[in-house]
C-alpha atoms as a PDB file:
ATOM      1  CA  UNK A   1       0.321   0.037  -0.083  1.00  0.00           C
ATOM      2  CA  UNK A   2       1.189   3.387  -0.928  1.00  0.00           C
ATOM      3  CA  UNK A   3       0.189   6.368   1.459  1.00  0.00           C
ATOM      4  CA  UNK A   4       0.903  10.221   1.124  1.00  0.00           C
ATOM      5  CA  UNK A   5       0.409  12.691   3.374  1.00  0.00           C
ATOM      6  CA  UNK A   6       1.257  16.739   3.434  1.00  0.00           C
ATOM      7  CA  UNK A   7       1.537  19.262   5.437  1.00  0.00           C
ATOM      8  CA  UNK A   8       1.662  22.711   5.052  1.00  0.00           C
ATOM      9  CA  UNK A   9       1.486  26.550   6.089  1.00  0.00           C
ATOM     10  CA  UNK A  10      -0.074  28.779   3.518  1.00  0.00           C
ATOM     11  CA  UNK A  11      -1.852  30.334   6.041  1.00  0.00           C
ATOM     12  CA  UNK A  12       1.609  31.302   8.135  1.00  0.00           C
ATOM     13  CA  UNK A  13       0.051  30.077  11.109  1.00  0.00           C
ATOM     14  CA  UNK A  14       3.732  28.806  11.866  1.00  0.00           C
ATOM     15  CA  UNK A  15       6.536  31.170  12.144  1.00  0.00           C
ATOM     16  CA  UNK A  16       9.937  29.824  10.204  1.00  0.00           C
ATOM     17  CA  UNK A  17      11.233  28.481  13.386  1.00  0.00           C
ATOM     18  CA  UNK A  18       8.144  26.532  14.369  1.00  0.00           C
ATOM     19  CA  UNK A  19       7.491  25.300  10.931  1.00  0.00           C
ATOM     20  CA  UNK A  20      10.967  23.642  10.642  1.00  0.00           C
ATOM     21  CA  UNK A  21      10.355  21.915  13.957  1.00  0.00           C
ATOM     22  CA  UNK A  22       6.765  20.797  12.995  1.00  0.00           C
ATOM     23  CA  UNK A  23       9.118  19.215   9.478  1.00  0.00           C
ATOM     24  CA  UNK A  24      11.347  17.957  11.931  1.00  0.00           C
ATOM     25  CA  UNK A  25       9.101  15.989  14.014  1.00  0.00           C
ATOM     26  CA  UNK A  26       7.190  14.781  10.609  1.00  0.00           C
ATOM     27  CA  UNK A  27      10.588  13.726   9.402  1.00  0.00           C
ATOM     28  CA  UNK A  28      10.968  11.794  12.829  1.00  0.00           C
ATOM     29  CA  UNK A  29       7.447   9.818  12.231  1.00  0.00           C
ATOM     30  CA  UNK A  30       8.714   9.212   9.416  1.00  0.00           C
ATOM     31  CA  UNK A  31      11.857   7.339  10.521  1.00  0.00           C
ATOM     32  CA  UNK A  32       9.816   5.730  13.239  1.00  0.00           C
ATOM     33  CA  UNK A  33       7.748   3.667  10.350  1.00  0.00           C
ATOM     34  CA  UNK A  34      10.671   3.398   8.236  1.00  0.00           C
ATOM     35  CA  UNK A  35      11.953   1.149  11.299  1.00  0.00           C
ATOM     36  CA  UNK A  36       8.544  -0.935  11.306  1.00  0.00           C
ATOM     37  CA  UNK A  37       9.113  -1.623   7.534  1.00  0.00           C
ATOM     38  CA  UNK A  38       7.727   1.529   5.575  1.00  0.00           C
ATOM     39  CA  UNK A  39       9.844   2.614   2.718  1.00  0.00           C
ATOM     40  CA  UNK A  40       9.982   5.953   1.718  1.00  0.00           C
ATOM     41  CA  UNK A  41       9.044   6.412  -2.111  1.00  0.00           C
ATOM     42  CA  UNK A  42       9.273  10.318  -2.097  1.00  0.00           C
ATOM     43  CA  UNK A  43       9.619  13.102   0.090  1.00  0.00           C
ATOM     44  CA  UNK A  44       9.495  16.892  -1.266  1.00  0.00           C
ATOM     45  CA  UNK A  45       9.159  20.489  -0.255  1.00  0.00           C
ATOM     46  CA  UNK A  46       8.081  23.640  -1.769  1.00  0.00           C
ATOM     47  CA  UNK A  47      10.558  26.068  -3.350  1.00  0.00           C
ATOM     48  CA  UNK A  48      12.558  27.918  -0.926  1.00  0.00           C
ATOM     49  CA  UNK A  49      11.500  30.994  -2.566  1.00  0.00           C
ATOM     50  CA  UNK A  50       7.606  30.232  -2.830  1.00  0.00           C
ATOM     51  CA  UNK A  51       5.039  32.124  -1.143  1.00  0.00           C
ATOM     52  CA  UNK A  52       3.559  29.229   0.624  1.00  0.00           C
ATOM     53  CA  UNK A  53       5.025  26.065   2.571  1.00  0.00           C
ATOM     54  CA  UNK A  54       4.229  22.646   1.908  1.00  0.00           C
ATOM     55  CA  UNK A  55       5.901  19.125   2.337  1.00  0.00           C
ATOM     56  CA  UNK A  56       5.016  15.660   1.356  1.00  0.00           C
ATOM     57  CA  UNK A  57       5.578  11.927   1.291  1.00  0.00           C
ATOM     58  CA  UNK A  58       4.846   8.876  -0.246  1.00  0.00           C
ATOM     59  CA  UNK A  59       5.423   5.508   2.012  1.00  0.00           C
ATOM     60  CA  UNK A  60       5.248   2.191   1.054  1.00  0.00           C
ATOM     61  CA  UNK A  61       3.356   0.874   4.158  1.00  0.00           C
ATOM     62  CA  UNK A  62       3.974  -2.591   5.292  1.00  0.00           C
ATOM     63  CA  UNK A  63       0.544  -4.723   4.032  1.00  0.00           C
ATOM     64  CA  UNK A  64       0.974  -7.142   6.721  1.00  0.00           C
ATOM     65  CA  UNK A  65       1.564  -5.058   9.718  1.00  0.00           C
ATOM     66  CA  UNK A  66      -1.391  -2.188   9.670  1.00  0.00           C
ATOM     67  CA  UNK A  67       0.105  -1.065  13.434  1.00  0.00           C
ATOM     68  CA  UNK A  68       2.636   0.624  11.675  1.00  0.00           C
ATOM     69  CA  UNK A  69       0.051   2.999  10.036  1.00  0.00           C
ATOM     70  CA  UNK A  70      -1.852   3.351  12.911  1.00  0.00           C
ATOM     71  CA  UNK A  71       1.147   4.331  14.643  1.00  0.00           C
ATOM     72  CA  UNK A  72       2.215   6.936  11.720  1.00  0.00           C
ATOM     73  CA  UNK A  73      -1.500   8.364  11.752  1.00  0.00           C
ATOM     74  CA  UNK A  74      -1.932   9.112  15.363  1.00  0.00           C
ATOM     75  CA  UNK A  75       1.601  10.595  15.764  1.00  0.00           C
ATOM     76  CA  UNK A  76       0.654  12.669  12.604  1.00  0.00           C
ATOM     77  CA  UNK A  77      -2.652  13.548  14.256  1.00  0.00           C
ATOM     78  CA  UNK A  78      -0.337  14.708  17.479  1.00  0.00           C
ATOM     79  CA  UNK A  79       1.702  16.491  15.471  1.00  0.00           C
ATOM     80  CA  UNK A  80      -1.500  18.077  13.784  1.00  0.00           C
ATOM     81  CA  UNK A  81      -2.607  19.258  17.325  1.00  0.00           C
ATOM     82  CA  UNK A  82       0.727  20.435  18.709  1.00  0.00           C
ATOM     83  CA  UNK A  83       1.336  22.809  15.832  1.00  0.00           C
ATOM     84  CA  UNK A  84      -2.210  24.197  15.847  1.00  0.00           C
ATOM     85  CA  UNK A  85      -2.876  22.797  12.149  1.00  0.00           C
ATOM     86  CA  UNK A  86      -5.966  22.527  11.043  1.00  0.00           C
ATOM     87  CA  UNK A  87      -5.535  18.954   9.010  1.00  0.00           C
ATOM     88  CA  UNK A  88      -2.422  16.875   7.618  1.00  0.00           C
ATOM     89  CA  UNK A  89      -3.696  15.472   3.892  1.00  0.00           C
ATOM     90  CA  UNK A  90      -3.892  11.727   4.128  1.00  0.00           C
ATOM     91  CA  UNK A  91      -4.524   9.438   0.782  1.00  0.00           C
ATOM     92  CA  UNK A  92      -3.690   5.875   0.280  1.00  0.00           C
ATOM     93  CA  UNK A  93      -3.375   3.565  -3.198  1.00  0.00           C
ATOM     94  CA  UNK A  94      -3.977   0.067  -2.869  1.00  0.00           C
ATOM     95  CA  UNK A  95      -4.033  -0.603  -6.590  1.00  0.00           C
ATOM     96  CA  UNK A  96      -1.274   0.468  -9.153  1.00  0.00           C
ATOM     97  CA  UNK A  97      -1.958   0.697 -12.480  1.00  0.00           C
ATOM     98  CA  UNK A  98       0.650   0.562 -15.172  1.00  0.00           C
ATOM     99  CA  UNK A  99      -0.126   2.591 -18.354  1.00  0.00           C
ATOM    100  CA  UNK A 100       1.546   0.970 -21.467  1.00  0.00           C
ATOM    101  CA  UNK A 101       3.181   3.038 -24.163  1.00  0.00           C
ATOM    102  CA  UNK A 102       0.968   4.536 -26.986  1.00  0.00           C
ATOM    103  CA  UNK A 103       1.271   2.798 -29.990  1.00  0.00           C
ATOM    104  CA  UNK A 104       4.319   4.678 -32.369  1.00  0.00           C
ATOM    105  CA  UNK A 105       3.287   7.074 -34.867  1.00  0.00           C
ATOM    106  CA  UNK A 106       4.193   6.417 -38.534  1.00  0.00           C
ATOM    107  CA  UNK A 107       3.999   9.425 -40.750  1.00  0.00           C
END
């Protein structure tokens, strides 16, 4: 299963130091999930000069142990509360489809 989640500070609710601490604590939560068997597929951030602050992670979570998912979600909810966030976006994909190349165009 792939789970993706995003945090943001587009409303400037967090000063820079608090945003940095929030991102750091989310990294720690992800690291704990990795210890439990998750694999990071992607982690990225908005450009430093963008007028908003966002970060996104995509994790492959172990299907055999839903406790890893539950622990990560619980920790993210705690961080959401601690950093006065309205929410953290979370979405899951259980189905992966591979698209074949389009047929060659002859001219």
